[in-house]
Amino acid sequence: MSTGAIEVRIENQLVRFVPPTPVDQDSVVAQLGGQQTGGVVIKVLDRPRATLVIDEKGRIVVHGTHRVEAARAAARELMLRLGLDDAGLETELGPVVASFEFGQALLVESLVGDFGAGSAHYDERLGCSIVEDTRHNLTLHMWPNGRCVVTDARHRNMVAMAAVFWKGRFKERKLLIDRI
């Protein structure tokens, strides 16, 4: 999706599926080779490519997909392999991990303090600034090359709005520079 000059890419969409009858963790281990760990069972699928986590309530959490349709296909595949009907599978959307680029270098070490719609600090270990965006209710990790990774987002459009908003703020404060 393109917003102005900023294109947002969804890297991961966390989705949980609630089947009408809970998925039995022991069946996933015995029949499909799932791995029991810390109260959950993990099953990695090759097709569709995804990591499934079956929690103690028999719900299926799908990691590693960027589209809800792909996550549903993974949950459906698990249920069909177990001989279960996938009818009535309820979908609950979780947070999105997304990325975008400003198209300009960013003075991340100067990106600290209160910005009105969020606060920022520089993380030396990661070499980026982290903005806790209270306006859009998400977290942005921003690197000097203008690349940004967004966590805790609820929707691609919210990430796009945040990208445009913060690009404007950074231009006003002369924190964006042309790449050399």
N, C-alpha and C. Protein backbone atom coordinates (compact mmCIF):
# COMPACT_ATOMS: atom_id res chain seq x y z
N MET A 1 0.85 -1.17 0.00
CA MET A 1 0.00 0.00 0.00
C MET A 1 0.88 1.22 0.00
N SER A 2 0.62 2.15 -0.83
CA SER A 2 1.44 3.34 -0.93
C SER A 2 0.69 4.53 -0.36
N THR A 3 1.37 5.29 0.48
CA THR A 3 0.79 6.50 1.05
C THR A 3 1.78 7.61 0.76
N GLY A 4 1.47 8.47 -0.22
CA GLY A 4 2.44 9.47 -0.62
C GLY A 4 3.62 8.74 -1.21
N ALA A 5 4.80 9.02 -0.68
CA ALA A 5 6.01 8.36 -1.15
C ALA A 5 6.41 7.21 -0.24
N ILE A 6 5.58 6.88 0.72
CA ILE A 6 5.93 5.85 1.70
C ILE A 6 5.11 4.58 1.44
N GLU A 7 5.83 3.48 1.23
CA GLU A 7 5.16 2.20 1.02
C GLU A 7 5.32 1.35 2.28
N VAL A 8 4.21 0.87 2.81
CA VAL A 8 4.21 0.05 4.02
C VAL A 8 4.17 -1.42 3.62
N ARG A 9 5.05 -2.19 4.23
CA ARG A 9 5.09 -3.64 3.99
C ARG A 9 4.76 -4.36 5.30
N ILE A 10 3.78 -5.26 5.24
CA ILE A 10 3.45 -6.08 6.41
C ILE A 10 4.43 -7.23 6.45
N GLU A 11 5.17 -7.35 7.54
CA GLU A 11 6.16 -8.40 7.70
C GLU A 11 5.57 -9.62 8.39
N ASN A 12 4.66 -9.37 9.33
CA ASN A 12 4.06 -10.47 10.08
C ASN A 12 2.72 -9.99 10.65
N GLN A 13 1.71 -10.82 10.51
CA GLN A 13 0.39 -10.55 11.09
C GLN A 13 0.10 -11.68 12.05
N LEU A 14 -0.02 -11.38 13.32
CA LEU A 14 -0.33 -12.40 14.32
C LEU A 14 -1.84 -12.62 14.32
N VAL A 15 -2.24 -13.88 14.15
CA VAL A 15 -3.66 -14.22 14.09
C VAL A 15 -3.91 -15.41 15.00
N ARG A 16 -5.00 -15.33 15.75
CA ARG A 16 -5.40 -16.47 16.59
C ARG A 16 -6.75 -16.96 16.08
N PHE A 17 -6.86 -18.28 16.00
CA PHE A 17 -8.10 -18.92 15.58
C PHE A 17 -8.66 -19.72 16.75
N VAL A 18 -9.95 -19.57 16.95
CA VAL A 18 -10.63 -20.27 18.03
C VAL A 18 -11.61 -21.26 17.40
N PRO A 19 -11.28 -22.56 17.46
CA PRO A 19 -12.18 -23.56 16.89
C PRO A 19 -13.37 -23.82 17.82
N PRO A 20 -14.49 -24.26 17.26
CA PRO A 20 -15.66 -24.56 18.11
C PRO A 20 -15.34 -25.61 19.17
N THR A 21 -14.51 -26.60 18.80
CA THR A 21 -14.03 -27.61 19.74
C THR A 21 -12.53 -27.41 19.86
N PRO A 22 -12.02 -27.19 21.08
CA PRO A 22 -10.59 -26.93 21.24
C PRO A 22 -9.71 -28.03 20.63
N VAL A 23 -8.58 -27.61 20.06
CA VAL A 23 -7.62 -28.56 19.51
C VAL A 23 -6.88 -29.21 20.68
N ASP A 24 -6.77 -30.53 20.65
CA ASP A 24 -6.10 -31.27 21.71
C ASP A 24 -4.59 -31.23 21.48
N GLN A 25 -3.86 -30.67 22.43
CA GLN A 25 -2.41 -30.56 22.31
C GLN A 25 -1.74 -31.92 22.15
N ASP A 26 -2.18 -32.91 22.91
CA ASP A 26 -1.58 -34.24 22.84
C ASP A 26 -1.73 -34.85 21.45
N SER A 27 -2.85 -34.59 20.79
CA SER A 27 -3.06 -35.10 19.43
C SER A 27 -2.09 -34.46 18.45
N VAL A 28 -1.83 -33.18 18.63
CA VAL A 28 -0.87 -32.49 17.74
C VAL A 28 0.52 -33.09 17.92
N VAL A 29 0.89 -33.41 19.15
CA VAL A 29 2.19 -34.02 19.41
C VAL A 29 2.24 -35.43 18.82
N ALA A 30 1.24 -36.25 19.14
CA ALA A 30 1.24 -37.65 18.73
C ALA A 30 1.06 -37.85 17.22
N GLN A 31 0.14 -37.11 16.62
CA GLN A 31 -0.20 -37.33 15.22
C GLN A 31 0.63 -36.51 14.24
N LEU A 32 1.06 -35.31 14.67
CA LEU A 32 1.72 -34.41 13.72
C LEU A 32 3.15 -34.06 14.09
N GLY A 33 3.64 -34.59 15.21
CA GLY A 33 5.02 -34.31 15.60
C GLY A 33 5.24 -32.94 16.20
N GLY A 34 4.20 -32.37 16.76
CA GLY A 34 4.34 -31.07 17.43
C GLY A 34 5.26 -31.18 18.64
N GLN A 35 5.82 -30.06 19.04
CA GLN A 35 6.75 -30.03 20.18
C GLN A 35 6.10 -29.35 21.37
N GLN A 36 6.04 -30.04 22.49
CA GLN A 36 5.48 -29.50 23.73
C GLN A 36 6.55 -28.66 24.41
N THR A 37 6.21 -27.44 24.78
CA THR A 37 7.14 -26.58 25.49
C THR A 37 6.38 -25.50 26.26
N GLY A 38 6.66 -25.40 27.53
CA GLY A 38 6.09 -24.33 28.37
C GLY A 38 4.58 -24.17 28.31
N GLY A 39 3.83 -25.25 28.27
CA GLY A 39 2.37 -25.15 28.29
C GLY A 39 1.73 -24.98 26.93
N VAL A 40 2.53 -24.91 25.87
CA VAL A 40 1.99 -24.81 24.51
C VAL A 40 2.62 -25.90 23.65
N VAL A 41 2.00 -26.14 22.50
CA VAL A 41 2.55 -27.06 21.52
C VAL A 41 2.85 -26.26 20.26
N ILE A 42 4.04 -26.47 19.71
CA ILE A 42 4.46 -25.75 18.52
C ILE A 42 4.55 -26.73 17.36
N LYS A 43 3.97 -26.35 16.24
CA LYS A 43 4.03 -27.15 15.02
C LYS A 43 4.41 -26.22 13.87
N VAL A 44 5.50 -26.55 13.18
CA VAL A 44 5.94 -25.77 12.03
C VAL A 44 5.41 -26.45 10.78
N LEU A 45 4.76 -25.67 9.92
CA LEU A 45 4.26 -26.18 8.64
C LEU A 45 5.13 -25.65 7.51
N ASP A 46 5.35 -26.49 6.51
CA ASP A 46 6.07 -26.06 5.32
C ASP A 46 5.12 -25.46 4.29
N ARG A 47 3.90 -26.05 4.19
CA ARG A 47 2.90 -25.56 3.24
C ARG A 47 1.55 -25.50 3.92
N PRO A 48 0.99 -24.38 4.11
CA PRO A 48 1.61 -23.07 3.93
C PRO A 48 2.68 -22.85 5.01
N ARG A 49 3.67 -22.06 4.70
CA ARG A 49 4.78 -21.82 5.61
C ARG A 49 4.30 -20.97 6.79
N ALA A 50 4.33 -21.58 7.97
CA ALA A 50 3.86 -20.88 9.17
C ALA A 50 4.27 -21.68 10.41
N THR A 51 4.32 -20.99 11.52
CA THR A 51 4.52 -21.63 12.81
C THR A 51 3.22 -21.51 13.59
N LEU A 52 2.72 -22.66 14.05
CA LEU A 52 1.47 -22.69 14.78
C LEU A 52 1.75 -22.98 16.25
N VAL A 53 1.07 -22.25 17.11
CA VAL A 53 1.18 -22.46 18.54
C VAL A 53 -0.22 -22.80 19.04
N ILE A 54 -0.34 -23.97 19.64
CA ILE A 54 -1.62 -24.38 20.21
C ILE A 54 -1.53 -24.15 21.71
N ASP A 55 -2.36 -23.25 22.21
CA ASP A 55 -2.29 -22.90 23.63
C ASP A 55 -3.07 -23.89 24.48
N GLU A 56 -3.04 -23.67 25.79
CA GLU A 56 -3.68 -24.60 26.73
C GLU A 56 -5.20 -24.64 26.58
N LYS A 57 -5.79 -23.65 25.91
CA LYS A 57 -7.24 -23.64 25.69
C LYS A 57 -7.62 -24.23 24.33
N GLY A 58 -6.62 -24.75 23.60
CA GLY A 58 -6.89 -25.37 22.30
C GLY A 58 -7.07 -24.38 21.17
N ARG A 59 -6.63 -23.14 21.38
CA ARG A 59 -6.68 -22.14 20.32
C ARG A 59 -5.40 -22.22 19.50
N ILE A 60 -5.47 -21.78 18.26
CA ILE A 60 -4.34 -21.85 17.34
C ILE A 60 -3.85 -20.43 17.05
N VAL A 61 -2.60 -20.15 17.42
CA VAL A 61 -1.99 -18.87 17.11
C VAL A 61 -1.03 -19.11 15.95
N VAL A 62 -1.15 -18.30 14.90
CA VAL A 62 -0.32 -18.47 13.71
C VAL A 62 0.68 -17.34 13.63
N HIS A 63 1.97 -17.70 13.53
CA HIS A 63 3.07 -16.76 13.35
C HIS A 63 3.67 -16.97 11.98
N GLY A 64 4.30 -15.92 11.45
CA GLY A 64 5.09 -16.06 10.23
C GLY A 64 4.34 -15.84 8.94
N THR A 65 3.14 -15.32 9.01
CA THR A 65 2.41 -14.99 7.80
C THR A 65 2.20 -13.48 7.75
N HIS A 66 1.94 -12.97 6.58
CA HIS A 66 1.66 -11.54 6.47
C HIS A 66 0.26 -11.26 5.95
N ARG A 67 -0.50 -12.32 5.72
CA ARG A 67 -1.88 -12.16 5.29
C ARG A 67 -2.78 -13.08 6.13
N VAL A 68 -3.96 -12.59 6.46
CA VAL A 68 -4.91 -13.37 7.26
C VAL A 68 -5.31 -14.64 6.52
N GLU A 69 -5.44 -14.55 5.19
CA GLU A 69 -5.83 -15.72 4.39
C GLU A 69 -4.79 -16.84 4.52
N ALA A 70 -3.52 -16.47 4.53
CA ALA A 70 -2.45 -17.48 4.67
C ALA A 70 -2.49 -18.10 6.07
N ALA A 71 -2.75 -17.27 7.08
CA ALA A 71 -2.85 -17.78 8.45
C ALA A 71 -4.03 -18.74 8.57
N ARG A 72 -5.15 -18.40 7.96
CA ARG A 72 -6.33 -19.27 7.99
C ARG A 72 -6.03 -20.60 7.29
N ALA A 73 -5.32 -20.55 6.18
CA ALA A 73 -4.96 -21.77 5.47
C ALA A 73 -4.09 -22.67 6.35
N ALA A 74 -3.19 -22.07 7.11
CA ALA A 74 -2.32 -22.84 8.01
C ALA A 74 -3.14 -23.49 9.13
N ALA A 75 -4.05 -22.74 9.73
CA ALA A 75 -4.90 -23.29 10.80
C ALA A 75 -5.80 -24.39 10.25
N ARG A 76 -6.32 -24.17 9.07
CA ARG A 76 -7.19 -25.16 8.42
C ARG A 76 -6.40 -26.45 8.14
N GLU A 77 -5.17 -26.29 7.65
CA GLU A 77 -4.31 -27.45 7.37
C GLU A 77 -4.08 -28.28 8.63
N LEU A 78 -3.80 -27.62 9.75
CA LEU A 78 -3.60 -28.32 11.02
C LEU A 78 -4.85 -29.10 11.40
N MET A 79 -5.99 -28.44 11.32
CA MET A 79 -7.23 -29.11 11.72
C MET A 79 -7.56 -30.29 10.80
N LEU A 80 -7.37 -30.12 9.51
CA LEU A 80 -7.66 -31.21 8.58
C LEU A 80 -6.72 -32.39 8.80
N ARG A 81 -5.45 -32.12 9.08
CA ARG A 81 -4.50 -33.21 9.37
C ARG A 81 -4.89 -33.98 10.63
N LEU A 82 -5.57 -33.31 11.54
CA LEU A 82 -6.05 -33.96 12.77
C LEU A 82 -7.41 -34.61 12.57
N GLY A 83 -8.00 -34.44 11.38
CA GLY A 83 -9.32 -35.01 11.11
C GLY A 83 -10.45 -34.19 11.70
N LEU A 84 -10.19 -32.90 11.97
CA LEU A 84 -11.20 -32.02 12.55
C LEU A 84 -11.85 -31.14 11.48
N ASP A 85 -13.09 -30.78 11.70
CA ASP A 85 -13.81 -29.89 10.80
C ASP A 85 -13.39 -28.45 11.12
N ASP A 86 -13.07 -27.68 10.08
CA ASP A 86 -12.66 -26.29 10.29
C ASP A 86 -13.83 -25.30 10.24
N ALA A 87 -15.05 -25.80 10.11
CA ALA A 87 -16.23 -24.92 10.09
C ALA A 87 -16.38 -24.25 11.46
N GLY A 88 -16.73 -23.00 11.45
CA GLY A 88 -16.96 -22.27 12.70
C GLY A 88 -15.69 -21.73 13.34
N LEU A 89 -14.59 -21.75 12.62
CA LEU A 89 -13.32 -21.25 13.12
C LEU A 89 -13.39 -19.72 13.24
N GLU A 90 -13.28 -19.20 14.45
CA GLU A 90 -13.34 -17.76 14.68
C GLU A 90 -11.94 -17.16 14.57
N THR A 91 -11.86 -15.97 14.00
CA THR A 91 -10.58 -15.29 13.77
C THR A 91 -10.44 -14.10 14.71
N GLU A 92 -9.29 -14.01 15.37
CA GLU A 92 -8.97 -12.85 16.22
C GLU A 92 -7.64 -12.29 15.73
N LEU A 93 -7.64 -11.04 15.33
CA LEU A 93 -6.43 -10.40 14.81
C LEU A 93 -5.58 -9.85 15.94
N GLY A 94 -4.31 -10.11 15.86
CA GLY A 94 -3.35 -9.58 16.83
C GLY A 94 -2.51 -8.50 16.19
N PRO A 95 -1.42 -8.14 16.83
CA PRO A 95 -0.60 -7.06 16.32
C PRO A 95 0.12 -7.39 15.00
N VAL A 96 0.46 -6.32 14.30
CA VAL A 96 1.14 -6.39 13.02
C VAL A 96 2.57 -5.90 13.21
N VAL A 97 3.51 -6.55 12.53
CA VAL A 97 4.87 -6.02 12.40
C VAL A 97 4.98 -5.56 10.96
N ALA A 98 5.36 -4.30 10.77
CA ALA A 98 5.44 -3.72 9.43
C ALA A 98 6.74 -2.96 9.27
N SER A 99 7.05 -2.62 8.03
CA SER A 99 8.24 -1.81 7.78
C SER A 99 7.96 -0.81 6.67
N PHE A 100 8.76 0.23 6.63
CA PHE A 100 8.70 1.22 5.56
C PHE A 100 10.02 1.99 5.56
N GLU A 101 10.20 2.80 4.53
CA GLU A 101 11.39 3.65 4.45
C GLU A 101 10.95 5.07 4.19
N PHE A 102 11.64 6.01 4.84
CA PHE A 102 11.35 7.42 4.62
C PHE A 102 11.91 7.90 3.28
N GLY A 103 12.89 7.19 2.73
CA GLY A 103 13.50 7.62 1.48
C GLY A 103 14.57 8.68 1.69
N GLN A 104 14.87 8.96 2.94
CA GLN A 104 15.89 9.91 3.32
C GLN A 104 16.60 9.38 4.56
N ALA A 105 17.83 9.83 4.76
CA ALA A 105 18.56 9.46 5.97
C ALA A 105 17.93 10.19 7.15
N LEU A 106 18.10 9.62 8.33
CA LEU A 106 17.49 10.16 9.54
C LEU A 106 18.55 10.33 10.61
N LEU A 107 18.57 11.48 11.25
CA LEU A 107 19.53 11.75 12.33
C LEU A 107 19.01 11.12 13.62
N VAL A 108 19.16 9.81 13.73
CA VAL A 108 18.54 9.06 14.82
C VAL A 108 19.11 9.42 16.19
N GLU A 109 20.38 9.77 16.26
CA GLU A 109 20.97 10.11 17.56
C GLU A 109 20.41 11.43 18.10
N SER A 110 19.85 12.25 17.22
CA SER A 110 19.21 13.50 17.64
C SER A 110 17.73 13.31 17.92
N LEU A 111 17.23 12.14 17.61
CA LEU A 111 15.81 11.84 17.76
C LEU A 111 15.55 11.32 19.17
N VAL A 112 15.49 12.24 20.13
CA VAL A 112 15.27 11.90 21.53
C VAL A 112 14.32 12.90 22.16
N GLY A 113 13.63 12.47 23.19
CA GLY A 113 12.77 13.37 23.95
C GLY A 113 11.31 13.28 23.56
N ASP A 114 10.57 14.30 23.97
CA ASP A 114 9.12 14.35 23.77
C ASP A 114 8.81 15.01 22.43
N PHE A 115 7.96 14.36 21.66
CA PHE A 115 7.54 14.90 20.37
C PHE A 115 6.05 15.23 20.35
N GLY A 116 5.44 15.34 21.50
CA GLY A 116 4.02 15.68 21.56
C GLY A 116 3.11 14.47 21.36
N ALA A 117 3.35 13.70 20.33
CA ALA A 117 2.54 12.52 20.04
C ALA A 117 3.30 11.24 20.37
N GLY A 118 4.36 11.41 21.13
CA GLY A 118 5.16 10.26 21.51
C GLY A 118 6.53 10.70 21.97
N SER A 119 7.22 9.78 22.58
CA SER A 119 8.57 10.09 23.04
C SER A 119 9.56 9.15 22.37
N ALA A 120 10.80 9.62 22.26
CA ALA A 120 11.82 8.84 21.56
C ALA A 120 13.08 8.75 22.41
N HIS A 121 13.79 7.63 22.22
CA HIS A 121 15.11 7.48 22.83
C HIS A 121 16.01 6.71 21.87
N TYR A 122 17.29 6.95 21.98
CA TYR A 122 18.25 6.27 21.13
C TYR A 122 18.73 5.01 21.83
N ASP A 123 18.71 3.90 21.11
CA ASP A 123 19.16 2.61 21.64
C ASP A 123 20.51 2.30 21.00
N GLU A 124 21.59 2.46 21.77
CA GLU A 124 22.94 2.24 21.24
C GLU A 124 23.15 0.80 20.80
N ARG A 125 22.58 -0.13 21.53
CA ARG A 125 22.75 -1.55 21.22
C ARG A 125 22.20 -1.87 19.83
N LEU A 126 21.04 -1.32 19.48
CA LEU A 126 20.42 -1.56 18.19
C LEU A 126 20.87 -0.57 17.11
N GLY A 127 21.42 0.57 17.55
CA GLY A 127 21.83 1.60 16.60
C GLY A 127 20.65 2.30 15.96
N CYS A 128 19.55 2.41 16.71
CA CYS A 128 18.35 3.05 16.18
C CYS A 128 17.67 3.86 17.27
N SER A 129 16.76 4.72 16.84
CA SER A 129 15.90 5.42 17.79
C SER A 129 14.58 4.68 17.86
N ILE A 130 14.01 4.66 19.04
CA ILE A 130 12.73 3.99 19.25
C ILE A 130 11.72 5.05 19.68
N VAL A 131 10.64 5.15 18.92
CA VAL A 131 9.58 6.11 19.20
C VAL A 131 8.37 5.36 19.71
N GLU A 132 7.93 5.72 20.90
CA GLU A 132 6.68 5.19 21.45
C GLU A 132 5.59 6.17 21.01
N ASP A 133 4.88 5.81 19.97
CA ASP A 133 3.90 6.68 19.33
C ASP A 133 2.55 6.54 20.05
N THR A 134 2.19 7.55 20.83
CA THR A 134 0.93 7.52 21.57
C THR A 134 -0.26 7.94 20.70
N ARG A 135 0.01 8.65 19.64
CA ARG A 135 -1.07 9.09 18.73
C ARG A 135 -1.64 7.90 17.95
N HIS A 136 -0.76 7.02 17.47
CA HIS A 136 -1.18 5.88 16.65
C HIS A 136 -1.12 4.55 17.40
N ASN A 137 -0.67 4.61 18.65
CA ASN A 137 -0.61 3.45 19.54
C ASN A 137 0.24 2.32 18.96
N LEU A 138 1.50 2.66 18.65
CA LEU A 138 2.44 1.68 18.13
C LEU A 138 3.87 2.12 18.45
N THR A 139 4.83 1.26 18.15
CA THR A 139 6.23 1.54 18.42
C THR A 139 7.00 1.50 17.11
N LEU A 140 7.83 2.53 16.88
CA LEU A 140 8.64 2.60 15.67
C LEU A 140 10.11 2.50 16.02
N HIS A 141 10.83 1.65 15.30
CA HIS A 141 12.28 1.53 15.42
C HIS A 141 12.85 2.15 14.15
N MET A 142 13.68 3.19 14.28
CA MET A 142 14.14 3.95 13.13
C MET A 142 15.66 3.97 13.05
N TRP A 143 16.19 3.61 11.86
CA TRP A 143 17.63 3.54 11.65
C TRP A 143 18.11 4.73 10.83
N PRO A 144 19.42 5.00 10.87
CA PRO A 144 19.98 6.16 10.16
C PRO A 144 19.70 6.17 8.65
N ASN A 145 19.54 5.01 8.03
CA ASN A 145 19.29 4.96 6.60
C ASN A 145 17.82 5.26 6.23
N GLY A 146 16.99 5.58 7.24
CA GLY A 146 15.59 5.90 7.01
C GLY A 146 14.66 4.71 7.04
N ARG A 147 15.20 3.53 7.30
CA ARG A 147 14.38 2.31 7.40
C ARG A 147 13.71 2.27 8.76
N CYS A 148 12.44 1.88 8.78
CA CYS A 148 11.67 1.81 10.02
C CYS A 148 10.96 0.47 10.12
N VAL A 149 10.97 -0.07 11.33
CA VAL A 149 10.22 -1.28 11.63
C VAL A 149 9.22 -0.92 12.72
N VAL A 150 7.97 -1.25 12.49
CA VAL A 150 6.89 -0.89 13.40
C VAL A 150 6.36 -2.15 14.08
N THR A 151 6.22 -2.08 15.39
CA THR A 151 5.64 -3.19 16.15
C THR A 151 4.40 -2.70 16.88
N ASP A 152 3.60 -3.63 17.31
CA ASP A 152 2.39 -3.36 18.09
C ASP A 152 1.31 -2.62 17.31
N ALA A 153 1.39 -2.61 15.99
CA ALA A 153 0.37 -1.95 15.18
C ALA A 153 -0.85 -2.86 15.04
N ARG A 154 -1.98 -2.27 14.78
CA ARG A 154 -3.21 -3.05 14.61
C ARG A 154 -3.62 -3.17 13.15
N HIS A 155 -3.11 -2.29 12.29
CA HIS A 155 -3.53 -2.32 10.89
C HIS A 155 -2.51 -1.59 10.03
N ARG A 156 -2.38 -2.04 8.79
CA ARG A 156 -1.49 -1.42 7.81
C ARG A 156 -1.78 0.07 7.66
N ASN A 157 -3.05 0.45 7.61
CA ASN A 157 -3.40 1.86 7.43
C ASN A 157 -2.91 2.72 8.60
N MET A 158 -2.93 2.17 9.80
CA MET A 158 -2.44 2.92 10.96
C MET A 158 -0.94 3.14 10.83
N VAL A 159 -0.21 2.16 10.33
CA VAL A 159 1.23 2.30 10.10
C VAL A 159 1.48 3.37 9.05
N ALA A 160 0.69 3.36 7.98
CA ALA A 160 0.85 4.35 6.92
C ALA A 160 0.59 5.77 7.44
N MET A 161 -0.45 5.93 8.26
CA MET A 161 -0.73 7.25 8.84
C MET A 161 0.40 7.70 9.75
N ALA A 162 0.94 6.77 10.55
CA ALA A 162 2.05 7.10 11.44
C ALA A 162 3.29 7.49 10.62
N ALA A 163 3.56 6.79 9.53
CA ALA A 163 4.72 7.10 8.69
C ALA A 163 4.64 8.52 8.14
N VAL A 164 3.48 8.89 7.62
CA VAL A 164 3.30 10.23 7.07
C VAL A 164 3.42 11.28 8.18
N PHE A 165 2.79 11.01 9.32
CA PHE A 165 2.83 11.94 10.45
C PHE A 165 4.27 12.20 10.90
N TRP A 166 5.02 11.10 11.15
CA TRP A 166 6.37 11.25 11.68
C TRP A 166 7.33 11.84 10.65
N LYS A 167 7.13 11.54 9.39
CA LYS A 167 7.97 12.14 8.35
C LYS A 167 7.80 13.66 8.38
N GLY A 168 6.56 14.11 8.54
CA GLY A 168 6.31 15.56 8.66
C GLY A 168 6.97 16.17 9.88
N ARG A 169 6.85 15.48 11.02
CA ARG A 169 7.49 15.98 12.25
C ARG A 169 9.00 16.08 12.09
N PHE A 170 9.59 15.05 11.50
CA PHE A 170 11.04 15.02 11.36
C PHE A 170 11.53 16.07 10.35
N LYS A 171 10.75 16.33 9.31
CA LYS A 171 11.10 17.39 8.36
C LYS A 171 11.10 18.75 9.06
N GLU A 172 10.04 18.98 9.87
CA GLU A 172 9.94 20.25 10.61
C GLU A 172 11.16 20.48 11.49
N ARG A 173 11.65 19.43 12.10
CA ARG A 173 12.79 19.53 13.02
C ARG A 173 14.15 19.28 12.34
N LYS A 174 14.09 19.19 11.01
CA LYS A 174 15.31 19.01 10.21
C LYS A 174 16.11 17.78 10.63
N LEU A 175 15.40 16.69 10.90
CA LEU A 175 16.02 15.42 11.26
C LEU A 175 16.16 14.47 10.08
N LEU A 176 15.53 14.82 8.96
CA LEU A 176 15.66 14.02 7.74
C LEU A 176 16.63 14.75 6.82
N ILE A 177 17.56 14.00 6.23
CA ILE A 177 18.53 14.60 5.33
C ILE A 177 18.61 13.76 4.05
N ASP A 178 19.00 14.41 2.95
CA ASP A 178 19.17 13.67 1.70
C ASP A 178 20.37 12.76 1.84
N ARG A 179 20.24 11.57 1.28
CA ARG A 179 21.34 10.61 1.31
C ARG A 179 22.45 11.09 0.40
N ILE A 180 23.66 10.83 0.82
CA ILE A 180 24.83 11.26 0.04
C ILE A 180 25.33 10.11 -0.81
